[in-house]
């Protein structure tokens, strides 16, 4: 969950960047102060006032993919990659 503070009657614009070398995209324009995010990458927030003037962006925060998934899937991938090799050496 991405969350931020905001004061007054402003809208927040949430930007998503897949990495810091790519251009960001607007993920959401909202009156809320939080947003669920699931993609790894970088996020920053600006505010827009009633005259549609946008603030400077917040510092970017990074969301990383949870390592638990990588630790679970990698042994399965290794086994699947090894099976054809194992099958070929047992048939000789």
N, C-alpha and C. Protein backbone atom coordinates (compact mmCIF):
# COMPACT_ATOMS: atom_id res chain seq x y z
N UNK A 1 0.85 -1.17 0.00
CA UNK A 1 0.00 0.00 0.00
C UNK A 1 0.90 1.24 0.00
N UNK A 2 0.64 2.12 -0.91
CA UNK A 2 1.35 3.40 -0.98
C UNK A 2 0.48 4.42 -0.25
N UNK A 3 1.06 5.17 0.68
CA UNK A 3 0.29 6.18 1.40
C UNK A 3 1.11 7.45 1.56
N UNK A 4 0.42 8.58 1.68
CA UNK A 4 1.07 9.88 1.77
C UNK A 4 0.17 10.83 2.55
N UNK A 5 0.71 11.98 2.92
CA UNK A 5 -0.05 13.03 3.62
C UNK A 5 -0.41 14.13 2.63
N UNK A 6 -1.56 14.73 2.86
CA UNK A 6 -2.00 15.84 2.02
C UNK A 6 -2.88 16.74 2.86
N UNK A 7 -2.77 18.04 2.66
CA UNK A 7 -3.61 18.98 3.40
C UNK A 7 -4.48 19.76 2.43
N UNK A 8 -5.66 20.10 2.87
CA UNK A 8 -6.54 20.93 2.06
C UNK A 8 -7.32 20.14 1.03
N UNK A 9 -8.03 20.89 0.20
CA UNK A 9 -8.87 20.31 -0.84
C UNK A 9 -8.06 20.15 -2.13
N UNK A 10 -7.16 19.20 -2.11
CA UNK A 10 -6.28 18.95 -3.25
C UNK A 10 -6.48 17.55 -3.77
N UNK A 11 -6.16 17.34 -5.01
CA UNK A 11 -6.12 15.99 -5.58
C UNK A 11 -4.67 15.54 -5.63
N UNK A 12 -4.47 14.25 -5.52
CA UNK A 12 -3.13 13.69 -5.62
C UNK A 12 -2.98 12.95 -6.94
N UNK A 13 -1.82 13.08 -7.54
CA UNK A 13 -1.50 12.36 -8.76
C UNK A 13 -0.39 11.38 -8.42
N UNK A 14 -0.63 10.10 -8.66
CA UNK A 14 0.35 9.06 -8.37
C UNK A 14 0.98 8.64 -9.69
N UNK A 15 2.31 8.70 -9.73
CA UNK A 15 3.07 8.30 -10.92
C UNK A 15 3.79 6.99 -10.66
N UNK A 16 3.87 6.17 -11.71
CA UNK A 16 4.59 4.90 -11.64
C UNK A 16 5.72 4.91 -12.66
N UNK A 17 6.90 4.45 -12.24
CA UNK A 17 8.08 4.32 -13.10
C UNK A 17 8.58 2.88 -13.01
N UNK A 18 8.63 2.12 -14.11
CA UNK A 18 9.14 0.75 -14.03
C UNK A 18 10.58 0.71 -13.52
N UNK A 19 11.37 1.69 -13.90
CA UNK A 19 12.71 1.88 -13.34
C UNK A 19 13.06 3.35 -13.48
N UNK A 20 14.16 3.76 -12.88
CA UNK A 20 14.46 5.19 -12.83
C UNK A 20 14.98 5.76 -14.15
N UNK A 21 15.14 4.92 -15.16
CA UNK A 21 15.60 5.42 -16.45
C UNK A 21 14.45 5.62 -17.43
N UNK A 22 13.26 5.17 -17.07
CA UNK A 22 12.11 5.25 -17.96
C UNK A 22 11.17 6.38 -17.53
N UNK A 23 10.41 6.87 -18.49
CA UNK A 23 9.42 7.91 -18.21
C UNK A 23 8.27 7.33 -17.40
N UNK A 24 7.77 8.12 -16.46
CA UNK A 24 6.67 7.66 -15.62
C UNK A 24 5.33 7.80 -16.31
N UNK A 25 4.35 7.09 -15.77
CA UNK A 25 2.97 7.18 -16.26
C UNK A 25 2.07 7.51 -15.08
N UNK A 26 0.98 8.20 -15.36
CA UNK A 26 0.01 8.50 -14.30
C UNK A 26 -0.74 7.22 -13.97
N UNK A 27 -0.63 6.83 -12.72
CA UNK A 27 -1.30 5.62 -12.26
C UNK A 27 -2.71 5.96 -11.75
N UNK A 28 -2.83 7.12 -11.08
CA UNK A 28 -4.13 7.49 -10.53
C UNK A 28 -4.15 8.98 -10.20
N UNK A 29 -5.33 9.58 -10.33
CA UNK A 29 -5.60 10.92 -9.81
C UNK A 29 -6.72 10.72 -8.80
N UNK A 30 -6.46 11.08 -7.54
CA UNK A 30 -7.39 10.71 -6.47
C UNK A 30 -7.46 11.75 -5.38
N UNK A 31 -8.55 11.74 -4.63
CA UNK A 31 -8.70 12.55 -3.42
C UNK A 31 -8.25 11.75 -2.19
N UNK A 32 -7.98 10.45 -2.38
CA UNK A 32 -7.53 9.60 -1.28
C UNK A 32 -6.07 9.89 -0.94
N UNK A 33 -5.61 9.34 0.17
CA UNK A 33 -4.20 9.48 0.56
C UNK A 33 -3.51 8.13 0.65
N UNK A 34 -4.06 7.15 -0.06
CA UNK A 34 -3.39 5.85 -0.16
C UNK A 34 -3.90 5.15 -1.42
N UNK A 35 -3.09 4.21 -1.88
CA UNK A 35 -3.42 3.48 -3.10
C UNK A 35 -2.72 2.12 -3.05
N UNK A 36 -3.44 1.04 -3.28
CA UNK A 36 -2.77 -0.26 -3.33
C UNK A 36 -1.92 -0.35 -4.61
N UNK A 37 -0.69 -0.79 -4.48
CA UNK A 37 0.19 -0.96 -5.63
C UNK A 37 0.77 -2.37 -5.58
N UNK A 38 0.90 -3.00 -6.75
CA UNK A 38 1.39 -4.37 -6.77
C UNK A 38 2.60 -4.56 -7.68
N UNK A 39 2.88 -3.62 -8.54
CA UNK A 39 4.01 -3.76 -9.46
C UNK A 39 5.29 -3.26 -8.82
N UNK A 40 6.37 -3.99 -9.06
CA UNK A 40 7.65 -3.49 -8.58
C UNK A 40 8.05 -2.30 -9.44
N UNK A 41 8.75 -1.37 -8.86
CA UNK A 41 9.16 -0.16 -9.55
C UNK A 41 9.18 1.01 -8.60
N UNK A 42 9.07 2.20 -9.14
CA UNK A 42 9.16 3.43 -8.35
C UNK A 42 7.86 4.21 -8.46
N UNK A 43 7.50 4.86 -7.37
CA UNK A 43 6.27 5.64 -7.30
C UNK A 43 6.57 7.01 -6.70
N UNK A 44 5.89 8.05 -7.18
CA UNK A 44 5.95 9.36 -6.54
C UNK A 44 4.58 10.00 -6.65
N UNK A 45 4.37 11.04 -5.85
CA UNK A 45 3.06 11.68 -5.76
C UNK A 45 3.24 13.19 -5.90
N UNK A 46 2.31 13.82 -6.60
CA UNK A 46 2.21 15.28 -6.65
C UNK A 46 0.80 15.65 -6.20
N UNK A 47 0.56 16.93 -6.02
CA UNK A 47 -0.79 17.40 -5.73
C UNK A 47 -1.20 18.42 -6.79
N UNK A 48 -2.50 18.50 -7.00
CA UNK A 48 -3.05 19.47 -7.94
C UNK A 48 -4.08 20.31 -7.18
N UNK A 49 -3.97 21.64 -7.30
CA UNK A 49 -4.94 22.50 -6.62
C UNK A 49 -6.15 22.75 -7.52
N UNK A 50 -7.08 23.57 -7.04
CA UNK A 50 -8.33 23.81 -7.80
C UNK A 50 -8.09 24.53 -9.12
N UNK A 51 -6.91 25.18 -9.27
CA UNK A 51 -6.56 25.85 -10.53
C UNK A 51 -5.74 24.94 -11.45
N UNK A 52 -5.68 23.67 -11.10
CA UNK A 52 -4.92 22.65 -11.85
C UNK A 52 -3.42 22.93 -11.90
N UNK A 53 -2.88 23.56 -10.88
CA UNK A 53 -1.44 23.75 -10.77
C UNK A 53 -0.88 22.57 -9.99
N UNK A 54 0.13 21.94 -10.57
CA UNK A 54 0.70 20.73 -9.97
C UNK A 54 1.96 21.06 -9.17
N UNK A 55 2.08 20.41 -8.03
CA UNK A 55 3.24 20.61 -7.17
C UNK A 55 4.45 19.86 -7.72
N UNK A 56 5.58 20.11 -7.11
CA UNK A 56 6.78 19.32 -7.40
C UNK A 56 6.52 17.89 -6.91
N UNK A 57 7.14 16.90 -7.52
CA UNK A 57 6.91 15.52 -7.09
C UNK A 57 7.58 15.21 -5.75
N UNK A 58 7.00 14.27 -5.05
CA UNK A 58 7.62 13.76 -3.83
C UNK A 58 8.87 12.97 -4.23
N UNK A 59 9.68 12.61 -3.26
CA UNK A 59 10.77 11.69 -3.53
C UNK A 59 10.17 10.36 -3.97
N UNK A 60 10.82 9.71 -4.90
CA UNK A 60 10.34 8.40 -5.38
C UNK A 60 10.58 7.35 -4.31
N UNK A 61 9.63 6.45 -4.18
CA UNK A 61 9.80 5.29 -3.30
C UNK A 61 9.78 4.04 -4.18
N UNK A 62 10.54 3.04 -3.77
CA UNK A 62 10.65 1.82 -4.56
C UNK A 62 9.86 0.69 -3.92
N UNK A 63 9.12 -0.03 -4.75
CA UNK A 63 8.47 -1.27 -4.31
C UNK A 63 9.21 -2.41 -4.97
N UNK A 64 9.62 -3.36 -4.17
CA UNK A 64 10.34 -4.52 -4.69
C UNK A 64 9.44 -5.75 -4.62
N UNK A 65 9.68 -6.67 -5.55
CA UNK A 65 8.96 -7.94 -5.53
C UNK A 65 9.41 -8.70 -4.29
N UNK A 66 8.49 -9.32 -3.62
CA UNK A 66 8.84 -10.08 -2.42
C UNK A 66 9.74 -11.25 -2.77
N UNK A 67 10.76 -11.42 -1.96
CA UNK A 67 11.72 -12.50 -2.18
C UNK A 67 11.10 -13.87 -1.94
N UNK A 68 10.04 -13.94 -1.14
CA UNK A 68 9.42 -15.22 -0.85
C UNK A 68 9.00 -15.93 -2.14
N UNK A 69 8.45 -15.17 -3.09
CA UNK A 69 8.04 -15.75 -4.36
C UNK A 69 9.24 -16.33 -5.10
N UNK A 70 10.34 -15.57 -5.16
CA UNK A 70 11.54 -16.03 -5.86
C UNK A 70 12.10 -17.28 -5.19
N UNK A 71 12.09 -17.32 -3.88
CA UNK A 71 12.61 -18.50 -3.16
C UNK A 71 11.73 -19.71 -3.38
N UNK A 72 10.45 -19.51 -3.62
CA UNK A 72 9.53 -20.62 -3.83
C UNK A 72 9.60 -21.13 -5.26
N UNK A 73 9.66 -20.24 -6.22
CA UNK A 73 9.57 -20.64 -7.62
C UNK A 73 10.89 -21.13 -8.20
N UNK A 74 12.01 -20.59 -7.75
CA UNK A 74 13.30 -20.95 -8.35
C UNK A 74 13.64 -22.44 -8.22
N UNK A 75 13.43 -23.08 -7.07
CA UNK A 75 13.70 -24.53 -7.02
C UNK A 75 12.84 -25.32 -8.01
N UNK A 76 11.62 -24.89 -8.22
CA UNK A 76 10.74 -25.56 -9.19
C UNK A 76 11.29 -25.37 -10.61
N UNK A 77 11.73 -24.18 -10.92
CA UNK A 77 12.30 -23.90 -12.24
C UNK A 77 13.55 -24.75 -12.45
N UNK A 78 14.40 -24.85 -11.46
CA UNK A 78 15.61 -25.66 -11.58
C UNK A 78 15.28 -27.11 -11.87
N UNK A 79 14.29 -27.65 -11.17
CA UNK A 79 13.89 -29.04 -11.39
C UNK A 79 13.36 -29.21 -12.81
N UNK A 80 12.53 -28.29 -13.26
CA UNK A 80 11.96 -28.40 -14.60
C UNK A 80 13.04 -28.31 -15.68
N UNK A 81 14.06 -27.48 -15.44
CA UNK A 81 15.16 -27.37 -16.39
C UNK A 81 16.05 -28.61 -16.37
N UNK A 82 16.15 -29.26 -15.23
CA UNK A 82 17.01 -30.43 -15.09
C UNK A 82 16.35 -31.70 -15.64
N UNK A 83 15.04 -31.79 -15.61
CA UNK A 83 14.35 -33.03 -16.01
C UNK A 83 14.71 -33.52 -17.41
N UNK A 84 14.73 -32.68 -18.44
CA UNK A 84 15.11 -33.19 -19.77
C UNK A 84 16.55 -33.73 -19.78
N UNK A 85 17.44 -33.07 -19.08
CA UNK A 85 18.82 -33.54 -19.00
C UNK A 85 18.87 -34.89 -18.28
N UNK A 86 18.18 -35.02 -17.18
CA UNK A 86 18.16 -36.26 -16.39
C UNK A 86 17.58 -37.38 -17.23
N UNK A 87 16.51 -37.10 -17.94
CA UNK A 87 15.87 -38.11 -18.79
C UNK A 87 16.84 -38.60 -19.88
N UNK A 88 17.62 -37.68 -20.46
CA UNK A 88 18.53 -38.08 -21.53
C UNK A 88 19.70 -38.91 -21.00
N UNK A 89 20.17 -38.67 -19.79
CA UNK A 89 21.30 -39.46 -19.29
C UNK A 89 20.85 -40.80 -18.72
N UNK A 90 19.60 -40.94 -18.33
CA UNK A 90 19.12 -42.23 -17.82
C UNK A 90 18.74 -43.18 -18.94
N UNK A 91 18.53 -42.68 -20.15
CA UNK A 91 18.16 -43.54 -21.28
C UNK A 91 19.39 -44.09 -22.00
N UNK A 92 20.56 -43.64 -21.64
CA UNK A 92 21.76 -44.11 -22.34
C UNK A 92 22.18 -45.48 -21.90
